[in-house]
PDB file of N, CA and C in Angstrom:
ATOM      1  N   MET A   1     -59.389   5.373  42.940  1.00  0.00           N
ATOM      2  CA  MET A   1     -59.187   4.746  41.825  1.00  0.00           C
ATOM      3  C   MET A   1     -58.875   3.158  41.961  1.00  0.00           C
ATOM      4  N   ASN A   2     -59.875   2.544  41.398  1.00  0.00           N
ATOM      5  CA  ASN A   2     -59.935   0.901  41.409  1.00  0.00           C
ATOM      6  C   ASN A   2     -59.744   0.435  40.109  1.00  0.00           C
ATOM      7  N   ILE A   3     -58.558   0.231  39.627  1.00  0.00           N
ATOM      8  CA  ILE A   3     -58.307  -0.249  38.277  1.00  0.00           C
ATOM      9  C   ILE A   3     -57.762  -1.742  38.327  1.00  0.00           C
ATOM     10  N   LYS A   4     -58.254  -2.579  37.429  1.00  0.00           N
ATOM     11  CA  LYS A   4     -57.858  -3.797  37.428  1.00  0.00           C
ATOM     12  C   LYS A   4     -57.950  -4.310  36.002  1.00  0.00           C
ATOM     13  N   PRO A   5     -57.259  -5.488  35.609  1.00  0.00           N
ATOM     14  CA  PRO A   5     -57.138  -6.021  34.152  1.00  0.00           C
ATOM     15  C   PRO A   5     -58.666  -6.147  33.726  1.00  0.00           C
ATOM     16  N   ILE A   6     -58.789  -6.008  32.476  1.00  0.00           N
ATOM     17  CA  ILE A   6     -60.108  -6.385  31.771  1.00  0.00           C
ATOM     18  C   ILE A   6     -59.886  -7.822  31.247  1.00  0.00           C
ATOM     19  N   LYS A   7     -60.820  -8.805  31.826  1.00  0.00           N
ATOM     20  CA  LYS A   7     -60.651 -10.112  31.435  1.00  0.00           C
ATOM     21  C   LYS A   7     -61.864 -10.610  30.779  1.00  0.00           C
ATOM     22  N   THR A   8     -62.994 -10.072  31.149  1.00  0.00           N
ATOM     23  CA  THR A   8     -64.222 -10.617  30.741  1.00  0.00           C
ATOM     24  C   THR A   8     -64.991  -9.615  30.086  1.00  0.00           C
ATOM     25  N   LYS A   9     -66.022  -9.860  29.380  1.00  0.00           N
ATOM     26  CA  LYS A   9     -67.055  -8.888  28.739  1.00  0.00           C
ATOM     27  C   LYS A   9     -67.612  -8.036  29.878  1.00  0.00           C
ATOM     28  N   LYS A  10     -67.960  -8.603  30.999  1.00  0.00           N
ATOM     29  CA  LYS A  10     -68.538  -7.779  31.970  1.00  0.00           C
ATOM     30  C   LYS A  10     -67.444  -6.793  32.490  1.00  0.00           C
ATOM     31  N   ASP A  11     -66.245  -7.125  32.665  1.00  0.00           N
ATOM     32  CA  ASP A  11     -65.120  -6.124  33.144  1.00  0.00           C
ATOM     33  C   ASP A  11     -65.029  -5.074  32.021  1.00  0.00           C
ATOM     34  N   TYR A  12     -65.127  -5.552  30.729  1.00  0.00           N
ATOM     35  CA  TYR A  12     -65.086  -4.469  29.633  1.00  0.00           C
ATOM     36  C   TYR A  12     -66.227  -3.560  29.706  1.00  0.00           C
ATOM     37  N   GLN A  13     -67.494  -4.078  29.814  1.00  0.00           N
ATOM     38  CA  GLN A  13     -68.659  -3.160  30.042  1.00  0.00           C
ATOM     39  C   GLN A  13     -68.441  -2.078  31.115  1.00  0.00           C
ATOM     40  N   LEU A  14     -68.048  -2.689  32.258  1.00  0.00           N
ATOM     41  CA  LEU A  14     -67.845  -1.874  33.474  1.00  0.00           C
ATOM     42  C   LEU A  14     -66.748  -0.811  33.177  1.00  0.00           C
ATOM     43  N   ALA A  15     -65.809  -1.153  32.476  1.00  0.00           N
ATOM     44  CA  ALA A  15     -64.764  -0.098  32.221  1.00  0.00           C
ATOM     45  C   ALA A  15     -65.233   0.812  31.228  1.00  0.00           C
ATOM     46  N   LEU A  16     -65.947   0.588  30.240  1.00  0.00           N
ATOM     47  CA  LEU A  16     -66.554   1.648  29.363  1.00  0.00           C
ATOM     48  C   LEU A  16     -67.534   2.501  30.011  1.00  0.00           C
ATOM     49  N   GLU A  17     -68.379   1.895  31.046  1.00  0.00           N
ATOM     50  CA  GLU A  17     -69.183   2.873  31.880  1.00  0.00           C
ATOM     51  C   GLU A  17     -68.359   3.826  32.655  1.00  0.00           C
ATOM     52  N   ARG A  18     -67.419   3.267  33.367  1.00  0.00           N
ATOM     53  CA  ARG A  18     -66.300   4.143  34.046  1.00  0.00           C
ATOM     54  C   ARG A  18     -65.754   5.278  33.199  1.00  0.00           C
ATOM     55  N   LEU A  19     -65.460   4.866  32.057  1.00  0.00           N
ATOM     56  CA  LEU A  19     -64.681   5.679  31.079  1.00  0.00           C
ATOM     57  C   LEU A  19     -65.688   6.970  30.606  1.00  0.00           C
ATOM     58  N   GLU A  20     -66.877   6.492  30.531  1.00  0.00           N
ATOM     59  CA  GLU A  20     -67.982   7.580  30.144  1.00  0.00           C
ATOM     60  C   GLU A  20     -68.119   8.530  31.309  1.00  0.00           C
ATOM     61  N   VAL A  21     -67.916   8.032  32.532  1.00  0.00           N
ATOM     62  CA  VAL A  21     -68.295   9.052  33.665  1.00  0.00           C
ATOM     63  C   VAL A  21     -67.013  10.018  33.855  1.00  0.00           C
ATOM     64  N   ILE A  22     -65.754   9.493  33.582  1.00  0.00           N
ATOM     65  CA  ILE A  22     -64.578  10.371  33.828  1.00  0.00           C
ATOM     66  C   ILE A  22     -63.947  10.770  32.510  1.00  0.00           C
ATOM     67  N   PHE A  23     -64.673  10.850  31.452  1.00  0.00           N
ATOM     68  CA  PHE A  23     -64.139  11.297  30.093  1.00  0.00           C
ATOM     69  C   PHE A  23     -63.686  12.569  30.051  1.00  0.00           C
ATOM     70  N   ASP A  24     -64.173  13.497  30.822  1.00  0.00           N
ATOM     71  CA  ASP A  24     -63.731  14.888  30.689  1.00  0.00           C
ATOM     72  C   ASP A  24     -62.772  15.231  31.795  1.00  0.00           C
ATOM     73  N   ALA A  25     -62.253  14.280  32.473  1.00  0.00           N
ATOM     74  CA  ALA A  25     -61.181  14.527  33.477  1.00  0.00           C
ATOM     75  C   ALA A  25     -59.971  15.354  33.016  1.00  0.00           C
ATOM     76  N   LYS A  26     -59.464  16.171  33.753  1.00  0.00           N
ATOM     77  CA  LYS A  26     -58.276  16.953  33.401  1.00  0.00           C
ATOM     78  C   LYS A  26     -56.886  16.120  33.538  1.00  0.00           C
ATOM     79  N   PRO A  27     -56.046  16.155  32.717  1.00  0.00           N
ATOM     80  CA  PRO A  27     -54.802  15.543  32.817  1.00  0.00           C
ATOM     81  C   PRO A  27     -53.959  15.847  33.949  1.00  0.00           C
ATOM     82  N   GLY A  28     -53.338  14.941  34.688  1.00  0.00           N
ATOM     83  CA  GLY A  28     -52.520  15.441  35.829  1.00  0.00           C
ATOM     84  C   GLY A  28     -53.082  15.116  37.151  1.00  0.00           C
ATOM     85  N   ASP A  29     -54.457  15.043  37.242  1.00  0.00           N
ATOM     86  CA  ASP A  29     -54.897  14.879  38.656  1.00  0.00           C
ATOM     87  C   ASP A  29     -55.202  13.194  38.691  1.00  0.00           C
ATOM     88  N   ALA A  30     -55.740  12.698  39.788  1.00  0.00           N
ATOM     89  CA  ALA A  30     -55.981  11.302  39.984  1.00  0.00           C
ATOM     90  C   ALA A  30     -56.941  10.775  38.964  1.00  0.00           C
ATOM     91  N   THR A  31     -58.050  11.601  38.724  1.00  0.00           N
ATOM     92  CA  THR A  31     -59.004  11.136  37.732  1.00  0.00           C
ATOM     93  C   THR A  31     -58.586  11.136  36.357  1.00  0.00           C
ATOM     94  N   GLY A  32     -57.683  12.097  36.065  1.00  0.00           N
ATOM     95  CA  GLY A  32     -57.020  12.131  34.743  1.00  0.00           C
ATOM     96  C   GLY A  32     -56.030  10.861  34.520  1.00  0.00           C
ATOM     97  N   ASP A  33     -55.380  10.511  35.513  1.00  0.00           N
ATOM     98  CA  ASP A  33     -54.518   9.368  35.443  1.00  0.00           C
ATOM     99  C   ASP A  33     -55.374   8.053  35.253  1.00  0.00           C
ATOM    100  N   GLU A  34     -56.433   7.944  36.081  1.00  0.00           N
ATOM    101  CA  GLU A  34     -57.307   6.928  35.996  1.00  0.00           C
ATOM    102  C   GLU A  34     -57.819   6.749  34.594  1.00  0.00           C
ATOM    103  N   LEU A  35     -58.346   7.947  34.022  1.00  0.00           N
ATOM    104  CA  LEU A  35     -58.722   7.938  32.524  1.00  0.00           C
ATOM    105  C   LEU A  35     -57.669   7.396  31.578  1.00  0.00           C
ATOM    106  N   GLU A  36     -56.473   7.848  31.705  1.00  0.00           N
ATOM    107  CA  GLU A  36     -55.441   7.398  30.862  1.00  0.00           C
ATOM    108  C   GLU A  36     -55.158   5.943  30.955  1.00  0.00           C
ATOM    109  N   ILE A  37     -55.118   5.377  32.148  1.00  0.00           N
ATOM    110  CA  ILE A  37     -54.790   3.875  32.338  1.00  0.00           C
ATOM    111  C   ILE A  37     -55.907   3.065  31.934  1.00  0.00           C
ATOM    112  N   LEU A  38     -57.222   3.636  32.193  1.00  0.00           N
ATOM    113  CA  LEU A  38     -58.452   2.826  31.735  1.00  0.00           C
ATOM    114  C   LEU A  38     -58.524   2.815  30.290  1.00  0.00           C
ATOM    115  N   SER A  39     -58.209   3.906  29.637  1.00  0.00           N
ATOM    116  CA  SER A  39     -58.156   3.896  28.131  1.00  0.00           C
ATOM    117  C   SER A  39     -57.259   2.838  27.568  1.00  0.00           C
ATOM    118  N   LEU A  40     -56.028   2.834  27.988  1.00  0.00           N
ATOM    119  CA  LEU A  40     -54.973   1.766  27.689  1.00  0.00           C
ATOM    120  C   LEU A  40     -55.517   0.339  27.922  1.00  0.00           C
ATOM    121  N   LEU A  41     -56.043   0.200  28.905  1.00  0.00           N
ATOM    122  CA  LEU A  41     -56.704  -1.267  29.175  1.00  0.00           C
ATOM    123  C   LEU A  41     -57.937  -1.555  28.297  1.00  0.00           C
ATOM    124  N   ILE A  42     -58.612  -0.701  28.014  1.00  0.00           N
ATOM    125  CA  ILE A  42     -59.748  -0.766  27.001  1.00  0.00           C
ATOM    126  C   ILE A  42     -59.218  -0.951  25.684  1.00  0.00           C
ATOM    127  N   ASP A  43     -58.201  -0.248  25.210  1.00  0.00           N
ATOM    128  CA  ASP A  43     -57.697  -0.387  23.876  1.00  0.00           C
ATOM    129  C   ASP A  43     -57.002  -1.724  23.782  1.00  0.00           C
ATOM    130  N   ASN A  44     -56.248  -2.236  24.788  1.00  0.00           N
ATOM    131  CA  ASN A  44     -55.680  -3.459  24.642  1.00  0.00           C
ATOM    132  C   ASN A  44     -56.687  -4.554  24.608  1.00  0.00           C
ATOM    133  N   TYR A  45     -57.713  -4.587  25.370  1.00  0.00           N
ATOM    134  CA  TYR A  45     -58.782  -5.491  25.367  1.00  0.00           C
ATOM    135  C   TYR A  45     -59.389  -5.672  23.797  1.00  0.00           C
ATOM    136  N   GLU A  46     -59.740  -4.447  23.243  1.00  0.00           N
ATOM    137  CA  GLU A  46     -60.446  -4.320  22.098  1.00  0.00           C
ATOM    138  C   GLU A  46     -59.579  -4.879  20.926  1.00  0.00           C
ATOM    139  N   LYS A  47     -58.216  -4.622  20.976  1.00  0.00           N
ATOM    140  CA  LYS A  47     -57.190  -5.075  20.042  1.00  0.00           C
ATOM    141  C   LYS A  47     -57.337  -6.656  19.975  1.00  0.00           C
ATOM    142  N   GLU A  48     -57.318  -7.069  21.349  1.00  0.00           N
ATOM    143  CA  GLU A  48     -57.291  -8.556  21.323  1.00  0.00           C
ATOM    144  C   GLU A  48     -58.542  -9.329  21.045  1.00  0.00           C
ATOM    145  N   HIS A  49     -59.743  -8.806  21.342  1.00  0.00           N
ATOM    146  CA  HIS A  49     -61.049  -9.308  21.240  1.00  0.00           C
ATOM    147  C   HIS A  49     -61.844  -8.833  20.048  1.00  0.00           C
ATOM    148  N   PHE A  50     -61.431  -7.686  19.481  1.00  0.00           N
ATOM    149  CA  PHE A  50     -62.217  -7.209  18.294  1.00  0.00           C
ATOM    150  C   PHE A  50     -61.119  -6.671  17.231  1.00  0.00           C
ATOM    151  N   PRO A  51     -60.341  -7.536  16.816  1.00  0.00           N
ATOM    152  CA  PRO A  51     -59.355  -6.978  15.805  1.00  0.00           C
ATOM    153  C   PRO A  51     -59.922  -6.578  14.440  1.00  0.00           C
ATOM    154  N   ILE A  52     -59.276  -5.492  13.962  1.00  0.00           N
ATOM    155  CA  ILE A  52     -59.769  -5.082  12.741  1.00  0.00           C
ATOM    156  C   ILE A  52     -58.691  -5.358  11.637  1.00  0.00           C
ATOM    157  N   ASP A  53     -59.181  -6.151  10.658  1.00  0.00           N
ATOM    158  CA  ASP A  53     -58.314  -6.476   9.585  1.00  0.00           C
ATOM    159  C   ASP A  53     -58.134  -5.216   8.622  1.00  0.00           C
ATOM    160  N   TYR A  54     -56.987  -5.376   7.944  1.00  0.00           N
ATOM    161  CA  TYR A  54     -56.659  -4.388   6.781  1.00  0.00           C
ATOM    162  C   TYR A  54     -57.599  -4.396   5.841  1.00  0.00           C
ATOM    163  N   PRO A  55     -57.877  -3.312   5.238  1.00  0.00           N
ATOM    164  CA  PRO A  55     -58.820  -3.308   3.968  1.00  0.00           C
ATOM    165  C   PRO A  55     -58.275  -3.955   2.886  1.00  0.00           C
ATOM    166  N   ASP A  56     -59.180  -4.183   1.960  1.00  0.00           N
ATOM    167  CA  ASP A  56     -58.789  -4.947   0.739  1.00  0.00           C
ATOM    168  C   ASP A  56     -57.893  -3.951  -0.105  1.00  0.00           C
ATOM    169  N   PRO A  57     -56.835  -4.425  -0.642  1.00  0.00           N
ATOM    170  CA  PRO A  57     -55.816  -3.423  -1.348  1.00  0.00           C
ATOM    171  C   PRO A  57     -56.506  -2.647  -2.458  1.00  0.00           C
ATOM    172  N   VAL A  58     -57.452  -3.287  -3.282  1.00  0.00           N
ATOM    173  CA  VAL A  58     -58.015  -2.492  -4.287  1.00  0.00           C
ATOM    174  C   VAL A  58     -58.959  -1.392  -3.713  1.00  0.00           C
ATOM    175  N   GLU A  59     -59.827  -1.796  -2.746  1.00  0.00           N
ATOM    176  CA  GLU A  59     -60.670  -0.785  -2.057  1.00  0.00           C
ATOM    177  C   GLU A  59     -59.813   0.235  -1.346  1.00  0.00           C
ATOM    178  N   ALA A  60     -58.711  -0.086  -0.742  1.00  0.00           N
ATOM    179  CA  ALA A  60     -57.883   0.917  -0.246  1.00  0.00           C
ATOM    180  C   ALA A  60     -57.433   1.869  -1.276  1.00  0.00           C
ATOM    181  N   ILE A  61     -56.946   1.480  -2.407  1.00  0.00           N
ATOM    182  CA  ILE A  61     -56.579   2.422  -3.520  1.00  0.00           C
ATOM    183  C   ILE A  61     -57.691   3.253  -4.033  1.00  0.00           C
ATOM    184  N   LYS A  62     -58.975   2.770  -4.107  1.00  0.00           N
ATOM    185  CA  LYS A  62     -59.998   3.425  -4.467  1.00  0.00           C
ATOM    186  C   LYS A  62     -60.292   4.513  -3.651  1.00  0.00           C
ATOM    187  N   PHE A  63     -60.343   4.133  -2.285  1.00  0.00           N
ATOM    188  CA  PHE A  63     -60.589   5.142  -1.173  1.00  0.00           C
ATOM    189  C   PHE A  63     -59.741   6.187  -1.156  1.00  0.00           C
ATOM    190  N   ARG A  64     -58.330   5.860  -1.381  1.00  0.00           N
ATOM    191  CA  ARG A  64     -57.317   6.885  -1.335  1.00  0.00           C
ATOM    192  C   ARG A  64     -57.487   7.864  -2.519  1.00  0.00           C
ATOM    193  N   LEU A  65     -57.817   7.250  -3.753  1.00  0.00           N
ATOM    194  CA  LEU A  65     -58.002   8.052  -4.753  1.00  0.00           C
ATOM    195  C   LEU A  65     -59.132   9.119  -4.547  1.00  0.00           C
ATOM    196  N   GLU A  66     -60.143   8.531  -4.024  1.00  0.00           N
ATOM    197  CA  GLU A  66     -61.391   9.414  -3.695  1.00  0.00           C
ATOM    198  C   GLU A  66     -60.907  10.609  -2.727  1.00  0.00           C
ATOM    199  N   GLN A  67     -60.251  10.232  -1.717  1.00  0.00           N
ATOM    200  CA  GLN A  67     -59.782  11.068  -0.693  1.00  0.00           C
ATOM    201  C   GLN A  67     -58.953  12.299  -1.397  1.00  0.00           C
ATOM    202  N   LEU A  68     -58.123  11.907  -2.265  1.00  0.00           N
ATOM    203  CA  LEU A  68     -57.118  13.021  -2.921  1.00  0.00           C
ATOM    204  C   LEU A  68     -57.961  13.588  -4.047  1.00  0.00           C
ATOM    205  N   GLN A  69     -59.082  13.169  -4.417  1.00  0.00           N
ATOM    206  CA  GLN A  69     -59.790  13.697  -5.603  1.00  0.00           C
ATOM    207  C   GLN A  69     -59.101  13.315  -6.873  1.00  0.00           C
ATOM    208  N   PHE A  70     -58.421  12.184  -6.709  1.00  0.00           N
ATOM    209  CA  PHE A  70     -57.602  11.730  -7.996  1.00  0.00           C
ATOM    210  C   PHE A  70     -58.607  10.769  -8.757  1.00  0.00           C
ATOM    211  N   THR A  71     -58.218  10.602 -10.068  1.00  0.00           N
ATOM    212  CA  THR A  71     -58.964   9.806 -11.058  1.00  0.00           C
ATOM    213  C   THR A  71     -58.124   8.692 -11.373  1.00  0.00           C
ATOM    214  N   GLN A  72     -58.754   7.780 -12.242  1.00  0.00           N
ATOM    215  CA  GLN A  72     -57.999   6.606 -12.843  1.00  0.00           C
ATOM    216  C   GLN A  72     -56.754   7.005 -13.497  1.00  0.00           C
ATOM    217  N   SER A  73     -56.851   8.159 -14.222  1.00  0.00           N
ATOM    218  CA  SER A  73     -55.746   8.674 -15.042  1.00  0.00           C
ATOM    219  C   SER A  73     -54.529   9.026 -13.975  1.00  0.00           C
ATOM    220  N   ASP A  74     -54.819   9.619 -12.825  1.00  0.00           N
ATOM    221  CA  ASP A  74     -53.874   9.908 -11.903  1.00  0.00           C
ATOM    222  C   ASP A  74     -53.223   8.569 -11.323  1.00  0.00           C
ATOM    223  N   LEU A  75     -53.933   7.721 -11.194  1.00  0.00           N
ATOM    224  CA  LEU A  75     -53.333   6.215 -10.851  1.00  0.00           C
ATOM    225  C   LEU A  75     -52.559   5.803 -12.054  1.00  0.00           C
ATOM    226  N   ALA A  76     -52.912   5.888 -13.156  1.00  0.00           N
ATOM    227  CA  ALA A  76     -52.159   5.561 -14.400  1.00  0.00           C
ATOM    228  C   ALA A  76     -50.787   6.201 -14.434  1.00  0.00           C
ATOM    229  N   LYS A  77     -50.630   7.436 -13.917  1.00  0.00           N
ATOM    230  CA  LYS A  77     -49.385   8.058 -13.888  1.00  0.00           C
ATOM    231  C   LYS A  77     -48.505   7.313 -12.903  1.00  0.00           C
ATOM    232  N   VAL A  78     -49.087   6.781 -11.840  1.00  0.00           N
ATOM    233  CA  VAL A  78     -48.264   6.111 -10.714  1.00  0.00           C
ATOM    234  C   VAL A  78     -47.866   4.809 -11.232  1.00  0.00           C
ATOM    235  N   VAL A  79     -48.727   3.905 -11.880  1.00  0.00           N
ATOM    236  CA  VAL A  79     -48.346   2.705 -12.423  1.00  0.00           C
ATOM    237  C   VAL A  79     -47.843   2.484 -13.859  1.00  0.00           C
ATOM    238  N   GLY A  80     -48.028   3.584 -14.503  1.00  0.00           N
ATOM    239  CA  GLY A  80     -47.401   3.552 -15.949  1.00  0.00           C
ATOM    240  C   GLY A  80     -48.335   3.647 -17.037  1.00  0.00           C
ATOM    241  N   LEU A  81     -49.493   2.873 -17.099  1.00  0.00           N
ATOM    242  CA  LEU A  81     -50.394   2.980 -18.107  1.00  0.00           C
ATOM    243  C   LEU A  81     -51.756   2.962 -17.655  1.00  0.00           C
ATOM    244  N   LYS A  82     -52.653   3.684 -18.467  1.00  0.00           N
ATOM    245  CA  LYS A  82     -54.061   3.756 -18.234  1.00  0.00           C
ATOM    246  C   LYS A  82     -54.667   2.252 -18.040  1.00  0.00           C
ATOM    247  N   SER A  83     -54.351   1.637 -19.080  1.00  0.00           N
ATOM    248  CA  SER A  83     -55.024   0.313 -19.177  1.00  0.00           C
ATOM    249  C   SER A  83     -54.567  -0.660 -17.893  1.00  0.00           C
ATOM    250  N   ARG A  84     -53.379  -0.410 -17.451  1.00  0.00           N
ATOM    251  CA  ARG A  84     -52.842  -1.162 -16.204  1.00  0.00           C
ATOM    252  C   ARG A  84     -53.563  -0.670 -14.955  1.00  0.00           C
ATOM    253  N   ALA A  85     -53.948   0.695 -14.930  1.00  0.00           N
ATOM    254  CA  ALA A  85     -54.688   1.246 -13.788  1.00  0.00           C
ATOM    255  C   ALA A  85     -56.099   0.517 -13.796  1.00  0.00           C
ATOM    256  N   SER A  86     -56.675   0.581 -14.995  1.00  0.00           N
ATOM    257  CA  SER A  86     -58.122  -0.051 -15.064  1.00  0.00           C
ATOM    258  C   SER A  86     -57.997  -1.424 -14.641  1.00  0.00           C
ATOM    259  N   GLU A  87     -56.953  -2.091 -15.044  1.00  0.00           N
ATOM    260  CA  GLU A  87     -56.946  -3.658 -14.858  1.00  0.00           C
ATOM    261  C   GLU A  87     -56.869  -3.919 -13.335  1.00  0.00           C
ATOM    262  N   ILE A  88     -56.064  -3.050 -12.660  1.00  0.00           N
ATOM    263  CA  ILE A  88     -55.924  -3.063 -11.188  1.00  0.00           C
ATOM    264  C   ILE A  88     -57.241  -2.786 -10.549  1.00  0.00           C
ATOM    265  N   LEU A  89     -57.859  -1.762 -10.904  1.00  0.00           N
ATOM    266  CA  LEU A  89     -59.204  -1.362 -10.250  1.00  0.00           C
ATOM    267  C   LEU A  89     -60.143  -2.319 -10.461  1.00  0.00           C
ATOM    268  N   ASN A  90     -60.076  -3.151 -11.569  1.00  0.00           N
ATOM    269  CA  ASN A  90     -61.163  -3.895 -11.976  1.00  0.00           C
ATOM    270  C   ASN A  90     -60.826  -5.488 -11.504  1.00  0.00           C
ATOM    271  N   ARG A  91     -59.716  -5.405 -10.752  1.00  0.00           N
ATOM    272  CA  ARG A  91     -59.160  -6.664 -10.280  1.00  0.00           C
ATOM    273  C   ARG A  91     -58.729  -7.793 -11.440  1.00  0.00           C
ATOM    274  N   LYS A  92     -58.422  -7.340 -12.417  1.00  0.00           N
ATOM    275  CA  LYS A  92     -57.977  -8.120 -13.458  1.00  0.00           C
ATOM    276  C   LYS A  92     -56.323  -8.352 -13.533  1.00  0.00           C
ATOM    277  N   ARG A  93     -55.667  -7.429 -12.807  1.00  0.00           N
ATOM    278  CA  ARG A  93     -54.265  -7.528 -12.659  1.00  0.00           C
ATOM    279  C   ARG A  93     -53.795  -7.446 -11.226  1.00  0.00           C
ATOM    280  N   LYS A  94     -52.909  -8.305 -10.750  1.00  0.00           N
ATOM    281  CA  LYS A  94     -52.492  -8.273  -9.452  1.00  0.00           C
ATOM    282  C   LYS A  94     -51.431  -7.140  -9.300  1.00  0.00           C
ATOM    283  N   LEU A  95     -51.351  -6.623  -8.228  1.00  0.00           N
ATOM    284  CA  LEU A  95     -50.172  -5.694  -7.911  1.00  0.00           C
ATOM    285  C   LEU A  95     -48.707  -6.360  -7.910  1.00  0.00           C
ATOM    286  N   THR A  96     -47.797  -5.741  -8.609  1.00  0.00           N
ATOM    287  CA  THR A  96     -46.533  -6.312  -8.504  1.00  0.00           C
ATOM    288  C   THR A  96     -45.666  -5.522  -7.406  1.00  0.00           C
ATOM    289  N   LEU A  97     -44.599  -6.025  -6.926  1.00  0.00           N
ATOM    290  CA  LEU A  97     -43.848  -5.342  -6.071  1.00  0.00           C
ATOM    291  C   LEU A  97     -43.440  -3.961  -6.427  1.00  0.00           C
ATOM    292  N   GLY A  98     -43.161  -3.722  -7.807  1.00  0.00           N
ATOM    293  CA  GLY A  98     -42.855  -2.384  -8.167  1.00  0.00           C
ATOM    294  C   GLY A  98     -44.052  -1.355  -7.947  1.00  0.00           C
ATOM    295  N   MET A  99     -45.231  -1.883  -8.359  1.00  0.00           N
ATOM    296  CA  MET A  99     -46.469  -1.210  -8.390  1.00  0.00           C
ATOM    297  C   MET A  99     -46.662  -0.789  -6.844  1.00  0.00           C
ATOM    298  N   ILE A 100     -46.666  -1.877  -5.932  1.00  0.00           N
ATOM    299  CA  ILE A 100     -46.826  -1.604  -4.600  1.00  0.00           C
ATOM    300  C   ILE A 100     -45.824  -0.435  -3.969  1.00  0.00           C
ATOM    301  N   ARG A 101     -44.660  -0.521  -4.454  1.00  0.00           N
ATOM    302  CA  ARG A 101     -43.755   0.476  -4.024  1.00  0.00           C
ATOM    303  C   ARG A 101     -44.115   1.871  -4.577  1.00  0.00           C
ATOM    304  N   GLN A 102     -44.605   1.971  -5.815  1.00  0.00           N
ATOM    305  CA  GLN A 102     -44.952   3.214  -6.402  1.00  0.00           C
ATOM    306  C   GLN A 102     -46.146   3.797  -5.902  1.00  0.00           C
ATOM    307  N   ILE A 103     -47.195   2.935  -5.540  1.00  0.00           N
ATOM    308  CA  ILE A 103     -48.355   3.326  -4.960  1.00  0.00           C
ATOM    309  C   ILE A 103     -48.174   3.804  -3.593  1.00  0.00           C
ATOM    310  N   HIS A 104     -47.292   3.069  -2.805  1.00  0.00           N
ATOM    311  CA  HIS A 104     -46.983   3.398  -1.409  1.00  0.00           C
ATOM    312  C   HIS A 104     -46.348   4.916  -1.472  1.00  0.00           C
ATOM    313  N   GLN A 105     -45.499   5.145  -2.242  1.00  0.00           N
ATOM    314  CA  GLN A 105     -44.765   6.356  -2.356  1.00  0.00           C
ATOM    315  C   GLN A 105     -45.680   7.446  -2.799  1.00  0.00           C
ATOM    316  N   SER A 106     -46.477   7.266  -3.898  1.00  0.00           N
ATOM    317  CA  SER A 106     -47.337   8.286  -4.364  1.00  0.00           C
ATOM    318  C   SER A 106     -48.621   8.605  -3.618  1.00  0.00           C
ATOM    319  N   LEU A 107     -49.223   7.451  -3.119  1.00  0.00           N
ATOM    320  CA  LEU A 107     -50.529   7.714  -2.489  1.00  0.00           C
ATOM    321  C   LEU A 107     -50.519   7.460  -0.977  1.00  0.00           C
ATOM    322  N   GLN A 108     -49.332   7.238  -0.455  1.00  0.00           N
ATOM    323  CA  GLN A 108     -49.023   6.980   0.984  1.00  0.00           C
ATOM    324  C   GLN A 108     -50.099   5.891   1.577  1.00  0.00           C
ATOM    325  N   ILE A 109     -50.252   4.801   0.868  1.00  0.00           N
ATOM    326  CA  ILE A 109     -50.974   3.679   1.443  1.00  0.00           C
ATOM    327  C   ILE A 109     -49.983   2.772   2.012  1.00  0.00           C
ATOM    328  N   PRO A 110     -50.102   2.314   3.131  1.00  0.00           N
ATOM    329  CA  PRO A 110     -49.170   1.454   3.886  1.00  0.00           C
ATOM    330  C   PRO A 110     -49.016   0.207   3.011  1.00  0.00           C
ATOM    331  N   THR A 111     -47.760  -0.244   2.881  1.00  0.00           N
ATOM    332  CA  THR A 111     -47.336  -1.474   2.098  1.00  0.00           C
ATOM    333  C   THR A 111     -47.992  -2.673   2.812  1.00  0.00           C
ATOM    334  N   ASP A 112     -48.244  -2.748   4.104  1.00  0.00           N
ATOM    335  CA  ASP A 112     -48.936  -3.755   4.726  1.00  0.00           C
ATOM    336  C   ASP A 112     -50.338  -4.016   4.164  1.00  0.00           C
ATOM    337  N   VAL A 113     -50.925  -2.913   3.766  1.00  0.00           N
ATOM    338  CA  VAL A 113     -52.349  -3.062   3.151  1.00  0.00           C
ATOM    339  C   VAL A 113     -52.147  -3.662   1.660  1.00  0.00           C
ATOM    340  N   LEU A 114     -51.192  -3.052   0.990  1.00  0.00           N
ATOM    341  CA  LEU A 114     -50.993  -3.369  -0.466  1.00  0.00           C
ATOM    342  C   LEU A 114     -50.622  -4.771  -0.628  1.00  0.00           C
ATOM    343  N   ILE A 115     -49.899  -5.351   0.145  1.00  0.00           N
ATOM    344  CA  ILE A 115     -49.310  -6.641  -0.113  1.00  0.00           C
ATOM    345  C   ILE A 115     -50.267  -7.769   0.154  1.00  0.00           C
ATOM    346  N   GLN A 116     -51.422  -7.645   0.773  1.00  0.00           N
ATOM    347  CA  GLN A 116     -52.471  -8.612   0.948  1.00  0.00           C
ATOM    348  C   GLN A 116     -52.955  -9.376  -0.191  1.00  0.00           C
ATOM    349  N   ASP A 117     -53.305 -10.495  -0.218  1.00  0.00           N
ATOM    350  CA  ASP A 117     -53.857 -11.145  -1.153  1.00  0.00           C
ATOM    351  C   ASP A 117     -55.294 -10.696  -1.446  1.00  0.00           C
ATOM    352  N   TYR A 118     -55.742 -10.772  -2.770  1.00  0.00           N
ATOM    353  CA  TYR A 118     -57.170 -10.323  -2.879  1.00  0.00           C
ATOM    354  C   TYR A 118     -57.722 -11.090  -4.206  1.00  0.00           C
TER     355      TYR A 118
END
């Protein structure tokens, strides 16, 4: 096991190649430990060099409604009025703090996503 920090793109590529070779290692043995450590190093490098932003709040709401097979009427039950739900989905109305709380509780969308500017 020859593990070192991932500092460059070349280090990253080599780590990915090694990960592919040992991907099916069993937990608990030396190769399994190497797999676990290498995975953490790769994850850390990717978070630093390839950050993923939160989705747009309206797109997140639409996606979650689709996942739950909910309609605009179901969103209206959460935010109070059908017209308000329509305005939110069409970006004509910004989310208020109260709406963010209600949507978070009802649709389980993280508040970090909902509070973003759009």
